[in-house]
């Protein structure tokens, strides 16, 4: 979009009362979850309008989570790439290590308001699980985390951190033993005990009101970034980029800029080994419209409607569907989508570590990988902002293992 174009839609108008973002979203759930979701919708609407709830949320985000996070000018990376000025929104500096805590704090305050004493969550990369476990320790709530056994292997440090906070971590052995399978088990648990249990869904996915609610709790990222870049440079950035699994960090980062037609918004999916069935998790590169885990959106499925296997070096992006709001804005041409391969991700992971002394999460490294490609194509007076959604402590051992395996393979050839 050029700066002369106007935005022909109102971001505040979606979703509708049934959770639809255009043809996407909605609530496709078993009958046993219809009432709990309706109760959650009503409770969230009431809390959103309550100044006391909002004040408590802001206090917890400030004192527990550590907001605001800085907007960081990556001077040495900018000089190395030789193009656009690169700014990083430092969500990696939040307590527990990623943006996930924004949503967790909001949902746990809502759960307390609803009288729920037991919390369940799913996690892939482990950051949502750690944030949920830490939040439950903060508020004195029982906590159960579902995590695929393959992800538990990849993210052993985060498994220990969750247990250290007092959470029970339940390994999931079904399917690929990754994020989709963990979501399935968490939903089964919620069906069995929705009276006392609140499900803290970790991304802008699932049935209404979750995509809206998660988006709203993460809008603080974009609000801060908008104010910070204006204070720093006196103008808006030319482009924003963020990794997209389910898409919570990205929609929170992008939302406050949706009306600004001159700002290009780019979501970066997991290109994996290659764009071929079973080798990636780029829904817009190889997917189709369908329904998964409560929502109508773009997902990776075959012609018979069976969910395809996915792959990504980053556990948090290894998921077959994308958030419905992202699908909606893509259909309007407002958010563009790209992908980054495992190799590009690992290269960006090392580059930021070497050039800026910042170890990014492998998820965030996908957004960085796009920036590494994109910045040299832009002029030096342009600004590219990338959401650094999490830090890479959790990924160091897995990255070292994959990089070493790659070196051994190259040597043997």
Protein backbone atom coordinates (compact mmCIF):
# COMPACT_ATOMS: atom_id res chain seq x y z
CA UNK A 1 0.00 0.00 0.00
CA UNK A 2 1.22 3.51 -0.73
CA UNK A 3 0.95 6.42 1.68
CA UNK A 4 -1.82 7.95 -0.44
CA UNK A 5 -4.11 4.98 0.12
CA UNK A 6 -6.61 4.88 2.94
CA UNK A 7 -7.57 1.91 5.05
CA UNK A 8 -11.07 0.83 4.06
CA UNK A 9 -11.78 -1.18 7.20
CA UNK A 10 -11.96 -0.58 10.93
CA UNK A 11 -9.70 -2.95 12.91
CA UNK A 12 -11.74 -2.26 16.04
CA UNK A 13 -14.85 -3.69 14.37
CA UNK A 14 -13.60 -7.27 14.23
CA UNK A 15 -14.35 -9.83 15.31
CA UNK A 16 -18.14 -9.69 15.25
CA UNK A 17 -20.21 -10.96 18.18
CA UNK A 18 -19.77 -14.56 17.02
CA UNK A 19 -16.02 -14.24 16.66
CA UNK A 20 -15.78 -13.90 12.89
CA UNK A 21 -13.02 -11.98 11.12
CA UNK A 22 -14.75 -11.86 7.76
CA UNK A 23 -15.08 -15.52 6.75
CA UNK A 24 -12.46 -16.61 9.29
CA UNK A 25 -12.62 -17.41 13.00
CA UNK A 26 -15.87 -18.39 14.69
CA UNK A 27 -16.37 -21.13 17.25
CA UNK A 28 -16.32 -24.74 16.07
CA UNK A 29 -16.35 -26.68 19.33
CA UNK A 30 -18.12 -29.63 20.98
CA UNK A 31 -21.38 -28.80 22.72
CA UNK A 32 -19.75 -29.23 26.13
CA UNK A 33 -17.61 -26.13 25.50
CA UNK A 34 -20.35 -23.82 24.21
CA UNK A 35 -21.38 -22.69 27.70
CA UNK A 36 -17.83 -22.24 29.09
CA UNK A 37 -16.88 -20.15 26.04
CA UNK A 38 -20.02 -18.03 26.40
CA UNK A 39 -19.23 -17.47 30.08
CA UNK A 40 -15.66 -16.53 29.19
CA UNK A 41 -16.86 -14.07 26.53
CA UNK A 42 -19.20 -12.39 29.00
CA UNK A 43 -16.55 -12.23 31.72
CA UNK A 44 -13.99 -10.76 29.33
CA UNK A 45 -16.43 -8.11 28.06
CA UNK A 46 -17.21 -7.12 31.64
CA UNK A 47 -13.56 -7.03 32.70
CA UNK A 48 -12.56 -5.00 29.63
CA UNK A 49 -14.96 -2.27 30.70
CA UNK A 50 -13.91 -2.34 34.37
CA UNK A 51 -11.34 0.36 35.28
CA UNK A 52 -10.24 -1.62 38.35
CA UNK A 53 -9.43 -4.71 36.27
CA UNK A 54 -7.52 -2.61 33.76
CA UNK A 55 -5.59 -0.85 36.52
CA UNK A 56 -4.62 -4.17 38.09
CA UNK A 57 -3.57 -5.53 34.70
CA UNK A 58 -1.33 -2.53 34.04
CA UNK A 59 0.19 -2.79 37.52
CA UNK A 60 1.02 -6.49 37.05
CA UNK A 61 2.45 -5.87 33.59
CA UNK A 62 4.69 -3.19 35.05
CA UNK A 63 5.73 -4.79 38.36
CA UNK A 64 5.64 -8.52 37.54
CA UNK A 65 6.21 -8.72 33.80
CA UNK A 66 8.59 -5.76 33.48
CA UNK A 67 6.89 -3.48 30.96
CA UNK A 68 7.54 -1.29 29.11
CA UNK A 69 10.16 -3.01 26.99
CA UNK A 70 12.66 -0.88 25.05
CA UNK A 71 12.86 -0.25 21.33
CA UNK A 72 16.48 -0.97 20.49
CA UNK A 73 18.45 0.41 17.54
CA UNK A 74 20.58 -2.47 16.23
CA UNK A 75 23.46 -0.24 15.09
CA UNK A 76 26.05 -2.91 14.26
CA UNK A 77 23.52 -5.14 12.50
CA UNK A 78 22.31 -2.13 10.50
CA UNK A 79 25.87 -1.27 9.47
CA UNK A 80 26.63 -4.87 8.56
CA UNK A 81 23.58 -5.24 6.31
CA UNK A 82 24.06 -1.83 4.75
CA UNK A 83 20.41 -0.90 4.21
CA UNK A 84 17.48 0.13 6.36
CA UNK A 85 17.85 1.20 9.99
CA UNK A 86 16.86 -1.82 12.07
CA UNK A 87 15.02 -1.44 15.36
CA UNK A 88 14.14 -4.36 17.63
CA UNK A 89 11.17 -4.37 19.99
CA UNK A 90 12.74 -6.11 22.98
CA UNK A 91 10.01 -8.48 24.24
CA UNK A 92 12.87 -10.84 25.06
CA UNK A 93 13.57 -8.68 28.12
CA UNK A 94 10.24 -9.47 29.75
CA UNK A 95 10.05 -11.67 32.85
CA UNK A 96 10.04 -15.36 31.77
CA UNK A 97 11.75 -14.42 28.50
CA UNK A 98 9.07 -13.69 25.91
CA UNK A 99 5.93 -11.77 24.99
CA UNK A 100 3.79 -14.66 26.29
CA UNK A 101 3.57 -13.20 29.78
CA UNK A 102 1.40 -10.28 28.53
CA UNK A 103 -1.45 -12.61 27.69
CA UNK A 104 -0.89 -14.91 30.66
CA UNK A 105 -1.18 -12.09 33.20
CA UNK A 106 -4.41 -10.89 31.58
CA UNK A 107 -5.98 -14.33 31.42
CA UNK A 108 -4.99 -15.29 34.97
CA UNK A 109 -6.52 -12.10 36.36
CA UNK A 110 -9.66 -12.96 34.39
CA UNK A 111 -9.64 -16.54 35.72
CA UNK A 112 -9.41 -15.25 39.29
CA UNK A 113 -12.29 -12.90 38.59
CA UNK A 114 -14.33 -15.89 37.37
CA UNK A 115 -13.52 -17.92 40.48
CA UNK A 116 -11.41 -20.52 38.66
CA UNK A 117 -8.78 -22.22 40.83
CA UNK A 118 -7.18 -24.61 38.32
CA UNK A 119 -5.28 -23.48 35.23
CA UNK A 120 -4.31 -25.53 32.19
CA UNK A 121 -2.23 -24.50 29.20
CA UNK A 122 -0.47 -25.94 26.18
CA UNK A 123 3.04 -25.05 25.12
CA UNK A 124 5.39 -25.74 22.22
CA UNK A 125 8.58 -23.74 22.71
CA UNK A 126 7.88 -23.72 26.43
CA UNK A 127 7.76 -19.95 26.89
CA UNK A 128 3.98 -19.87 27.24
CA UNK A 129 4.21 -22.76 29.68
CA UNK A 130 6.87 -21.01 31.75
CA UNK A 131 4.88 -17.77 31.77
CA UNK A 132 1.73 -19.63 32.84
CA UNK A 133 3.55 -21.57 35.55
CA UNK A 134 5.20 -18.40 36.87
CA UNK A 135 1.89 -16.54 36.82
CA UNK A 136 0.14 -19.34 38.68
CA UNK A 137 2.88 -19.23 41.33
CA UNK A 138 2.36 -15.45 41.53
CA UNK A 139 -1.42 -15.79 42.05
CA UNK A 140 -1.54 -19.08 43.96
CA UNK A 141 -3.31 -21.16 41.32
CA UNK A 142 -2.98 -24.87 40.47
CA UNK A 143 -1.23 -25.32 37.12
CA UNK A 144 -1.09 -28.15 34.56
CA UNK A 145 0.88 -27.74 31.33
CA UNK A 146 0.48 -30.02 28.29
CA UNK A 147 3.55 -30.37 26.09
CA UNK A 148 4.41 -32.76 23.29
CA UNK A 149 7.25 -35.12 24.17
CA UNK A 150 9.27 -34.02 21.12
CA UNK A 151 9.01 -30.43 22.32
CA UNK A 152 9.94 -31.53 25.85
CA UNK A 153 13.13 -32.97 24.40
CA UNK A 154 13.87 -29.79 22.45
CA UNK A 155 13.01 -27.52 25.37
CA UNK A 156 14.26 -29.45 28.42
CA UNK A 157 15.35 -26.26 30.19
CA UNK A 158 11.84 -24.81 30.03
CA UNK A 159 10.33 -28.07 31.30
CA UNK A 160 12.53 -27.76 34.39
CA UNK A 161 11.59 -24.09 34.79
CA UNK A 162 7.87 -24.92 34.70
CA UNK A 163 8.29 -27.62 37.33
CA UNK A 164 10.41 -25.29 39.45
CA UNK A 165 7.43 -22.90 39.53
CA UNK A 166 5.25 -25.74 40.82
CA UNK A 167 3.48 -26.73 37.60
CA UNK A 168 2.69 -30.28 36.58
CA UNK A 169 4.00 -30.88 33.06
CA UNK A 170 2.15 -33.64 31.21
CA UNK A 171 3.94 -35.10 28.21
CA UNK A 172 1.82 -35.80 25.13
CA UNK A 173 2.72 -38.90 23.12
CA UNK A 174 0.01 -38.68 20.43
CA UNK A 175 0.59 -37.60 16.82
CA UNK A 176 3.86 -35.80 16.16
CA UNK A 177 4.19 -35.08 19.90
CA UNK A 178 4.32 -31.33 19.21
CA UNK A 179 2.14 -28.23 19.71
CA UNK A 180 -1.01 -29.35 17.87
CA UNK A 181 -1.14 -32.52 19.96
CA UNK A 182 -0.63 -30.57 23.18
CA UNK A 183 -3.59 -28.31 22.26
CA UNK A 184 -5.75 -31.40 21.68
CA UNK A 185 -4.96 -32.76 25.15
CA UNK A 186 -5.55 -29.41 26.84
CA UNK A 187 -8.95 -29.12 25.15
CA UNK A 188 -9.89 -32.63 26.32
CA UNK A 189 -8.98 -31.66 29.87
CA UNK A 190 -11.08 -28.49 29.66
CA UNK A 191 -14.09 -30.43 28.36
CA UNK A 192 -13.81 -32.74 31.37
CA UNK A 193 -13.61 -29.99 34.02
CA UNK A 194 -14.63 -26.57 32.77
CA UNK A 195 -16.41 -25.71 36.03
CA UNK A 196 -13.19 -25.20 38.02
CA UNK A 197 -10.66 -24.91 35.20
CA UNK A 198 -9.62 -22.07 32.94
CA UNK A 199 -7.68 -22.85 29.76
CA UNK A 200 -5.00 -20.22 29.13
CA UNK A 201 -4.65 -20.62 25.36
CA UNK A 202 -1.26 -19.30 24.36
CA UNK A 203 -1.79 -17.82 20.90
CA UNK A 204 -4.34 -15.88 18.83
CA UNK A 205 -5.99 -19.14 17.83
CA UNK A 206 -8.92 -21.34 18.73
CA UNK A 207 -12.58 -20.58 19.26
CA UNK A 208 -14.00 -17.15 20.09
CA UNK A 209 -13.21 -15.22 22.29
CA UNK A 210 -9.59 -16.45 22.38
CA UNK A 211 -8.23 -14.83 19.17
CA UNK A 212 -9.71 -11.46 20.18
CA UNK A 213 -8.75 -11.76 23.84
CA UNK A 214 -5.15 -12.82 23.19
CA UNK A 215 -4.77 -10.06 20.60
CA UNK A 216 -6.04 -7.45 23.04
CA UNK A 217 -3.68 -8.51 25.82
CA UNK A 218 -0.74 -8.23 23.37
CA UNK A 219 -1.71 -4.87 21.87
CA UNK A 220 0.55 -3.29 24.48
CA UNK A 221 3.52 -4.31 22.28
CA UNK A 222 2.38 -2.17 19.35
CA UNK A 223 1.19 0.71 21.52
CA UNK A 224 4.61 0.99 23.08
CA UNK A 225 6.46 0.51 19.78
CA UNK A 226 4.42 3.23 18.07
CA UNK A 227 5.09 5.77 20.82
CA UNK A 228 8.77 4.80 21.06
CA UNK A 229 9.57 5.07 17.34
CA UNK A 230 7.81 8.44 17.11
CA UNK A 231 9.77 9.73 20.09
CA UNK A 232 13.02 8.33 18.69
CA UNK A 233 12.74 9.28 15.00
CA UNK A 234 9.76 11.62 14.73
CA UNK A 235 8.00 9.35 12.24
CA UNK A 236 6.49 5.91 11.73
CA UNK A 237 8.58 3.00 10.45
CA UNK A 238 8.44 1.97 6.80
CA UNK A 239 8.01 -1.71 7.64
CA UNK A 240 7.28 -4.02 10.57
CA UNK A 241 8.12 -7.73 10.65
CA UNK A 242 7.39 -10.49 13.14
CA UNK A 243 7.40 -14.27 13.20
CA UNK A 244 4.01 -15.98 12.92
CA UNK A 245 3.13 -19.35 14.37
CA UNK A 246 -0.36 -18.88 15.74
CA UNK A 247 0.48 -15.20 15.53
CA UNK A 248 0.01 -13.62 18.97
CA UNK A 249 3.22 -11.60 19.05
CA UNK A 250 2.68 -10.43 15.47
CA UNK A 251 -0.94 -9.32 15.83
CA UNK A 252 -0.07 -7.48 19.04
CA UNK A 253 2.83 -5.75 17.29
CA UNK A 254 0.91 -4.94 14.09
CA UNK A 255 -2.50 -3.93 15.42
CA UNK A 256 -1.75 -0.31 16.32
CA UNK A 257 -0.30 0.22 12.81
CA UNK A 258 -3.12 -1.36 10.78
CA UNK A 259 -4.64 2.02 9.91
CA UNK A 260 -1.30 3.39 8.69
CA UNK A 261 -1.31 2.46 5.02
CA UNK A 262 2.27 3.68 4.55
CA UNK A 263 3.58 1.08 7.04
CA UNK A 264 4.10 -2.35 5.46
CA UNK A 265 3.34 -5.28 7.78
CA UNK A 266 5.01 -8.65 7.17
CA UNK A 267 4.40 -11.90 9.04
CA UNK A 268 7.13 -14.53 8.70
CA UNK A 269 6.21 -18.21 8.81
CA UNK A 270 8.39 -21.28 9.28
CA UNK A 271 9.73 -22.44 5.90
CA UNK A 272 11.38 -25.47 7.52
CA UNK A 273 13.56 -27.64 5.31
CA UNK A 274 11.64 -26.72 2.15
CA UNK A 275 8.07 -25.85 1.09
CA UNK A 276 6.94 -29.42 0.66
CA UNK A 277 4.28 -31.38 2.63
CA UNK A 278 5.68 -32.41 6.00
CA UNK A 279 8.79 -30.25 5.71
CA UNK A 280 7.50 -26.83 6.78
CA UNK A 281 4.84 -24.90 8.72
CA UNK A 282 4.12 -22.06 6.24
CA UNK A 283 0.33 -22.16 6.04
CA UNK A 284 0.04 -19.44 3.41
CA UNK A 285 2.65 -21.11 1.20
CA UNK A 286 1.20 -24.59 1.17
CA UNK A 287 -2.13 -24.53 3.01
CA UNK A 288 -5.84 -24.19 2.37
CA UNK A 289 -8.95 -23.00 4.19
CA UNK A 290 -10.24 -25.36 6.87
CA UNK A 291 -11.18 -25.77 10.51
CA UNK A 292 -8.79 -26.80 13.28
CA UNK A 293 -9.20 -26.71 17.05
CA UNK A 294 -12.17 -24.38 17.11
CA UNK A 295 -11.43 -21.90 14.33
CA UNK A 296 -11.83 -21.53 10.56
CA UNK A 297 -8.55 -20.39 9.07
CA UNK A 298 -5.67 -21.31 6.78
CA UNK A 299 -4.06 -24.59 7.67
CA UNK A 300 -1.92 -27.38 6.32
CA UNK A 301 -4.20 -30.24 5.31
CA UNK A 302 -4.40 -32.66 2.41
CA UNK A 303 -7.22 -33.03 -0.12
CA UNK A 304 -9.03 -35.42 2.22
CA UNK A 305 -9.03 -32.85 5.03
CA UNK A 306 -6.40 -34.65 7.11
CA UNK A 307 -3.95 -32.39 8.93
CA UNK A 308 -0.48 -32.64 7.42
CA UNK A 309 2.67 -33.13 9.42
CA UNK A 310 4.64 -29.95 10.03
CA UNK A 311 8.28 -29.19 10.66
CA UNK A 312 10.28 -26.27 12.00
CA UNK A 313 13.53 -25.99 13.87
CA UNK A 314 11.55 -23.74 16.25
CA UNK A 315 9.04 -25.59 18.41
CA UNK A 316 6.82 -22.52 18.78
CA UNK A 317 6.19 -22.20 15.03
CA UNK A 318 5.69 -25.93 14.44
CA UNK A 319 1.89 -25.73 14.10
CA UNK A 320 -0.53 -26.53 11.26
CA UNK A 321 -2.84 -23.46 11.50
CA UNK A 322 -2.50 -19.69 11.66
CA UNK A 323 -4.61 -17.27 13.69
CA UNK A 324 -7.85 -16.27 11.92
CA UNK A 325 -7.19 -12.54 12.22
CA UNK A 326 -3.99 -12.97 10.23
CA UNK A 327 -5.93 -14.87 7.56
CA UNK A 328 -8.44 -12.01 7.46
CA UNK A 329 -5.88 -9.22 7.00
CA UNK A 330 -4.05 -11.27 4.39
CA UNK A 331 -7.33 -11.58 2.45
CA UNK A 332 -7.66 -7.78 2.59
CA UNK A 333 -4.08 -7.30 1.41
CA UNK A 334 -3.14 -5.48 4.62
CA UNK A 335 -0.61 -7.97 6.01
CA UNK A 336 1.89 -9.67 3.72
CA UNK A 337 3.43 -13.02 4.55
CA UNK A 338 6.86 -14.46 3.87
CA UNK A 339 8.71 -17.50 5.16
CA UNK A 340 12.21 -18.23 6.41
CA UNK A 341 13.90 -21.62 6.22
CA UNK A 342 15.55 -23.46 9.10
CA UNK A 343 18.96 -22.59 7.66
CA UNK A 344 18.10 -18.88 7.35
CA UNK A 345 16.73 -18.92 10.90
CA UNK A 346 19.88 -20.49 12.35
CA UNK A 347 22.05 -18.04 10.42
CA UNK A 348 20.09 -15.07 11.82
CA UNK A 349 20.25 -16.64 15.30
CA UNK A 350 24.05 -16.59 15.10
CA UNK A 351 24.28 -13.21 13.37
CA UNK A 352 22.37 -11.26 16.02
CA UNK A 353 24.33 -13.04 18.75
CA UNK A 354 27.63 -12.07 17.11
CA UNK A 355 26.75 -8.54 16.04
CA UNK A 356 24.61 -7.25 18.92
CA UNK A 357 25.27 -9.55 21.89
CA UNK A 358 21.60 -10.61 21.89
CA UNK A 359 20.64 -14.29 21.60
CA UNK A 360 17.16 -14.43 20.00
CA UNK A 361 14.63 -17.23 20.28
CA UNK A 362 14.52 -19.48 17.23
CA UNK A 363 10.95 -18.30 16.69
CA UNK A 364 12.04 -14.65 16.66
CA UNK A 365 14.99 -15.60 14.45
CA UNK A 366 12.52 -16.19 11.60
CA UNK A 367 11.52 -12.52 11.73
CA UNK A 368 15.20 -11.59 11.91
CA UNK A 369 15.99 -13.83 8.93
CA UNK A 370 13.42 -11.93 6.90
CA UNK A 371 15.02 -8.68 8.07
CA UNK A 372 18.45 -9.89 6.97
CA UNK A 373 17.03 -10.44 3.47
CA UNK A 374 14.91 -7.32 3.40
CA UNK A 375 17.05 -4.57 4.96
CA UNK A 376 19.65 -4.45 2.13
CA UNK A 377 16.80 -3.93 -0.35
CA UNK A 378 15.74 -0.77 1.51
CA UNK A 379 17.45 2.61 1.58
CA UNK A 380 19.48 3.85 4.53
CA UNK A 381 16.89 6.45 5.45
CA UNK A 382 14.16 3.82 5.79
CA UNK A 383 13.21 2.10 9.06
CA UNK A 384 12.54 -1.60 9.58
CA UNK A 385 11.19 -2.66 13.00
CA UNK A 386 11.34 -6.32 13.99
CA UNK A 387 9.57 -7.79 17.00
CA UNK A 388 12.13 -9.73 19.02
CA UNK A 389 9.40 -11.81 20.64
CA UNK A 390 11.62 -13.93 22.89
CA UNK A 391 15.14 -14.71 24.00
CA UNK A 392 17.12 -17.75 22.96
CA UNK A 393 18.44 -19.21 26.22
CA UNK A 394 15.97 -22.06 25.77
CA UNK A 395 17.26 -22.76 22.23
CA UNK A 396 21.03 -22.75 22.67
CA UNK A 397 21.41 -26.51 23.16
CA UNK A 398 19.04 -27.40 20.31
CA UNK A 399 20.65 -24.89 17.97
CA UNK A 400 24.09 -26.25 18.84
CA UNK A 401 22.89 -29.81 18.16
CA UNK A 402 21.37 -28.91 14.78
CA UNK A 403 24.36 -26.81 13.71
CA UNK A 404 26.80 -29.54 14.71
CA UNK A 405 24.77 -32.14 12.82
CA UNK A 406 24.88 -29.87 9.78
CA UNK A 407 28.64 -29.51 10.04
CA UNK A 408 29.11 -33.27 10.34
CA UNK A 409 26.89 -33.83 7.33
CA UNK A 410 28.89 -31.32 5.26
CA UNK A 411 32.15 -32.91 6.33
CA UNK A 412 31.00 -36.43 5.43
CA UNK A 413 29.92 -35.26 1.99
